Protein backbone atom coordinates (compact mmCIF):
# COMPACT_ATOMS: atom_id res chain seq x y z
CA MET A 1 70.74 -39.72 71.84
CA LYS A 2 72.87 -42.88 72.04
CA ASP A 3 74.12 -42.34 68.48
CA ASP A 4 75.59 -39.00 69.52
CA GLN A 5 77.60 -40.46 72.40
CA PRO A 6 80.53 -41.89 70.34
CA ARG A 7 80.79 -38.63 68.40
CA ARG A 8 80.89 -36.56 71.59
CA GLU A 9 83.52 -38.84 73.06
CA ARG A 10 85.69 -38.52 69.94
CA GLU A 11 85.34 -34.73 70.04
CA GLU A 12 86.27 -34.66 73.73
CA GLN A 13 89.32 -36.84 73.07
CA PHE A 14 90.37 -34.62 70.15
CA ALA A 15 90.00 -31.49 72.31
CA PHE A 16 92.05 -33.16 75.06
CA TYR A 17 94.89 -34.14 72.70
CA MET A 18 94.88 -30.69 71.08
CA ASP A 19 95.15 -29.12 74.51
CA LEU A 20 98.17 -31.29 75.32
CA VAL A 21 99.89 -30.65 71.98
CA GLY A 22 99.01 -26.96 72.10
CA HIS A 23 100.48 -26.64 75.58
CA ASP A 24 103.74 -28.23 74.40
CA ILE A 25 103.94 -25.99 71.30
CA LEU A 26 103.24 -22.85 73.33
CA ASN A 27 106.00 -23.76 75.81
CA ASN A 28 108.49 -24.30 72.96
CA ASN A 29 107.47 -21.05 71.30
CA GLN A 30 107.91 -19.19 74.57
CA ALA A 31 111.43 -20.59 74.95
CA VAL A 32 112.36 -19.52 71.39
CA LEU A 33 110.90 -16.05 72.03
CA GLY A 34 113.03 -15.76 75.14
CA TYR A 35 116.23 -16.36 73.17
CA LEU A 36 115.16 -13.95 70.41
CA GLU A 37 114.38 -11.23 72.94
CA LEU A 38 117.84 -11.71 74.46
CA MET A 39 119.34 -11.25 70.99
CA LEU A 40 117.32 -8.08 70.39
CA ALA A 41 118.35 -6.71 73.79
CA THR A 42 122.05 -7.08 72.93
CA PRO A 43 123.41 -3.52 72.53
CA ARG A 44 125.84 -4.30 69.70
CA ILE A 45 123.60 -6.44 67.49
CA ASP A 46 124.02 -5.32 63.86
CA LYS A 47 121.09 -4.14 61.72
CA THR A 48 120.96 -7.26 59.58
CA MET A 49 120.82 -9.64 62.55
CA ARG A 50 118.22 -7.42 64.24
CA LYS A 51 116.04 -7.57 61.13
CA TYR A 52 116.26 -11.37 61.00
CA ALA A 53 115.50 -11.67 64.72
CA GLU A 54 112.47 -9.38 64.39
CA LYS A 55 111.13 -11.48 61.52
CA ALA A 56 111.65 -14.63 63.57
CA VAL A 57 109.70 -13.09 66.46
CA SER A 58 106.78 -12.41 64.10
CA HIS A 59 106.77 -16.02 62.86
CA VAL A 60 106.89 -17.47 66.36
CA ARG A 61 104.13 -15.19 67.65
CA THR A 62 101.85 -15.93 64.68
CA SER A 63 102.50 -19.64 65.25
CA THR A 64 101.39 -19.16 68.84
CA LEU A 65 98.27 -17.35 67.63
CA LEU A 66 97.47 -20.29 65.35
CA VAL A 67 97.47 -22.65 68.32
CA GLU A 68 95.29 -20.24 70.29
CA ASN A 69 92.90 -20.07 67.33
CA ILE A 70 92.47 -23.84 67.39
CA LYS A 71 91.80 -23.77 71.13
CA SER A 72 89.29 -20.92 70.68
CA LEU A 73 87.51 -22.78 67.91
CA LEU A 74 87.23 -25.96 69.98
CA SER A 75 85.96 -24.06 73.00
CA THR A 76 83.16 -22.37 71.01
CA ARG A 77 81.81 -25.49 69.29
CA GLY A 78 78.31 -26.39 70.44
CA VAL A 79 78.25 -23.62 73.07
CA ASP A 80 75.30 -21.24 73.27
CA ALA A 81 76.69 -17.82 72.30
CA GLY A 82 74.46 -16.14 74.86
CA SER A 83 76.30 -17.93 77.68
CA TYR A 84 79.48 -15.90 77.13
CA LYS A 85 80.20 -12.87 79.29
CA PRO A 86 80.26 -9.33 77.83
CA ILE A 87 83.55 -7.70 76.87
CA ASP A 88 84.28 -4.11 75.81
CA LEU A 89 85.50 -3.67 72.22
CA GLY A 90 87.33 -0.47 73.19
CA GLN A 91 89.46 -2.36 75.70
CA ILE A 92 89.99 -5.21 73.23
CA LEU A 93 91.37 -2.79 70.64
CA LEU A 94 93.70 -1.12 73.15
CA ARG A 95 95.18 -4.46 74.18
CA SER A 96 95.33 -5.66 70.57
CA GLU A 97 97.37 -2.63 69.50
CA ARG A 98 99.97 -3.41 72.16
CA GLU A 99 99.96 -7.08 71.15
CA LEU A 100 100.49 -6.18 67.48
CA ARG A 101 103.57 -4.14 68.30
CA GLY A 102 105.03 -7.10 70.15
CA THR A 103 104.13 -9.51 67.35
CA PHE A 104 105.64 -7.31 64.62
CA PRO A 105 108.57 -5.52 66.29
CA GLY A 106 110.00 -4.43 62.94
CA LYS A 107 106.86 -2.46 62.00
CA LYS A 108 105.35 0.81 63.21
CA ILE A 109 101.64 0.15 63.76
CA ARG A 110 98.86 2.61 64.63
CA LEU A 111 95.14 1.94 65.14
CA ARG A 112 92.75 4.85 64.62
CA VAL A 113 89.48 3.90 66.30
CA SER A 114 86.21 5.73 65.62
CA PRO A 115 84.23 6.45 67.69
CA LYS A 116 86.71 6.49 70.55
CA GLY A 117 85.94 5.47 74.12
CA ASN A 118 84.50 2.46 75.86
CA GLY A 119 80.96 1.14 76.05
CA ALA A 120 80.70 -1.11 72.98
CA PHE A 121 80.07 -4.39 74.79
CA VAL A 122 79.77 -7.65 72.85
CA ILE A 123 79.14 -11.29 73.72
CA GLY A 124 82.19 -13.49 73.57
CA ASN A 125 84.57 -12.66 76.41
CA ALA A 126 88.11 -13.91 75.61
CA ARG A 127 86.94 -15.60 72.41
CA ALA A 128 85.82 -12.23 70.98
CA GLU A 129 89.22 -10.78 71.86
CA ASP A 130 90.96 -13.68 70.10
CA LEU A 131 88.82 -13.02 67.03
CA VAL A 132 89.62 -9.30 66.83
CA LEU A 133 93.35 -9.89 67.34
CA ASN A 134 93.32 -12.63 64.70
CA ALA A 135 91.75 -10.26 62.15
CA LEU A 136 94.28 -7.52 62.93
CA VAL A 137 97.22 -9.93 62.64
CA SER A 138 95.87 -11.15 59.29
CA THR A 139 95.65 -7.52 58.16
CA ILE A 140 99.29 -6.82 59.06
CA ARG A 141 100.47 -10.02 57.36
CA MET A 142 98.85 -8.84 54.11
CA ASP A 143 100.53 -5.42 54.33
CA PRO A 144 104.10 -5.20 52.96
CA GLU A 145 104.75 -1.76 54.48
CA ASP A 146 106.76 -1.16 57.66
CA ASP A 147 104.73 1.93 58.63
CA ILE A 148 101.07 0.90 58.91
CA SER A 149 97.98 2.93 59.82
CA ILE A 150 94.72 1.03 60.29
CA ASP A 151 91.29 2.62 60.59
CA VAL A 152 88.83 0.80 62.87
CA ARG A 153 85.19 1.86 62.72
CA LEU A 154 82.56 0.69 65.18
CA SER A 155 78.86 0.76 64.31
CA GLU A 156 75.60 -0.83 65.46
CA LEU A 157 73.35 -2.92 63.23
CA GLU A 158 70.89 -5.79 63.28
CA PHE A 159 72.20 -9.18 62.17
CA GLY A 160 70.40 -12.51 62.38
CA GLY A 161 67.57 -10.92 64.31
CA LYS A 162 69.95 -9.63 67.03
CA MET A 163 71.46 -6.21 67.67
CA CYS A 164 75.19 -6.32 67.01
CA TRP A 165 78.35 -4.26 66.94
CA ARG A 166 80.27 -4.24 63.68
CA VAL A 167 84.05 -3.77 63.67
CA ARG A 168 85.31 -2.62 60.27
CA ILE A 169 89.11 -2.80 59.98
CA GLU A 170 90.46 -0.88 56.97
CA ASP A 171 94.07 -0.99 55.80
CA PRO A 172 94.74 1.01 52.61
CA THR A 173 98.05 -0.77 51.93
CA ALA A 174 97.03 -4.38 52.59
CA SER A 175 96.46 -6.62 49.57
CA LEU A 176 94.23 -9.66 49.38
CA PRO A 177 96.01 -12.76 48.04
CA PRO A 178 95.00 -13.70 44.45
CA LEU A 179 93.09 -16.70 45.83
CA MET A 180 90.66 -14.33 47.58
CA LYS A 181 89.96 -12.10 44.59
CA ASP A 182 86.95 -14.04 43.37
CA LYS A 183 86.15 -16.35 46.31
CA SER A 184 84.37 -16.04 49.62
CA ILE A 185 85.89 -17.35 52.85
CA GLU A 186 83.48 -20.29 52.74
CA GLN A 187 84.90 -21.35 49.36
CA LEU A 188 88.40 -21.63 50.84
CA TYR A 189 87.33 -24.93 52.42
CA LEU A 190 87.10 -26.36 48.89
CA GLN A 191 90.76 -25.60 48.12
CA ASP A 192 93.56 -28.09 48.63
CA SER A 193 95.28 -27.80 52.00
CA SER A 194 98.53 -26.35 50.59
CA THR A 195 96.52 -23.41 49.21
CA ALA A 196 94.05 -22.90 52.05
CA VAL A 197 96.76 -22.98 54.75
CA LYS A 198 98.01 -19.58 53.56
CA LEU A 199 94.70 -18.08 54.66
CA VAL A 200 94.06 -20.22 57.71
CA GLY A 201 93.67 -17.14 59.91
CA LEU A 202 90.68 -16.01 57.87
CA ILE A 203 89.11 -19.47 58.01
CA PHE A 204 89.45 -19.59 61.80
CA ALA A 205 88.04 -16.07 62.12
CA LYS A 206 84.97 -17.02 60.09
CA MET A 207 84.34 -20.17 62.11
CA ILE A 208 84.81 -18.52 65.51
CA ALA A 209 82.63 -15.52 64.58
CA THR A 210 79.87 -17.86 63.41
CA ASN A 211 80.08 -19.88 66.63
CA LEU A 212 79.65 -16.63 68.59
CA GLY A 213 76.46 -15.84 66.68
CA GLY A 214 78.11 -13.23 64.47
CA ASP A 215 79.95 -13.07 61.17
CA PHE A 216 83.30 -12.30 59.54
CA ASP A 217 84.05 -11.17 56.01
CA VAL A 218 86.82 -9.65 53.91
CA THR A 219 86.53 -7.24 51.01
CA GLU A 220 88.69 -5.04 48.82
CA LEU A 221 88.52 -1.28 49.26
CA ARG A 222 87.90 0.48 45.98
CA GLU A 223 88.01 4.11 44.93
CA LYS A 224 86.85 5.05 41.43
CA GLY A 225 87.34 1.46 40.30
CA ASP A 226 90.89 1.14 41.61
CA ARG A 227 91.84 -1.10 44.52
CA ARG A 228 92.66 0.82 47.68
CA GLY A 229 93.49 -1.78 50.30
CA THR A 230 91.51 -4.33 52.27
CA ALA A 231 88.73 -4.28 54.86
CA PHE A 232 88.07 -6.98 57.48
CA ILE A 233 84.52 -6.88 58.86
CA ILE A 234 83.65 -8.51 62.19
CA THR A 235 80.06 -8.71 63.46
CA LEU A 236 79.48 -9.65 67.11
CA ARG A 237 76.29 -9.77 69.15
CA LYS A 238 75.70 -6.72 71.30
CA ALA A 239 75.69 -7.13 75.09
CA GLY A 240 74.67 -4.94 78.00
CA ARG A 241 77.16 -3.62 80.51
CA PRO A 242 78.26 -6.34 82.95
């Protein structure tokens, strides 16, 4: 028990410093976003400047998401997954669609959810919402198109001895980076940092999902042997209605 005390203290200090740094980064990002939104609201802004401003908004918002991912990961370490409150996947997806449009203002994004409606409750509260949004943002970043339709399928299954909801996110025009063609997410940890950083969103998603008692995976969609996009698969423990 005594041997664990220094380790816990170091982890608490790290979490404290990350919270301070994260707060500062988020404030700076919010200030930059404010200036960009003023630019985009200018009636006479030309198309080229608008395009650059929209791209800058996407970079700032994904930077903000990266900080939130770190905070989510730290908050789920060593916490019993069953202690989290239930949250409705239907509501998560509705909010995430709105968030995606704000994060990628230069793209037209549609989520087609099946089955529709509410009632798919999972354990995880805000952390589960962070996870779903992270997966959707990663999907969009891998899609070069400006008009994007994403199919989201919800299903029930047993995983790790617990009943779960599975969220399968399919994008027919998203392409996995070459690094992911023959490697699992776990193997990304073995890459050098300059390589792994390009897929940091996937690494965070895997770690957060695992901490919540679920899972996260990525696979290529194939049709008659040809690649047809990418699927992100989130598994979260099922919860009763609050």
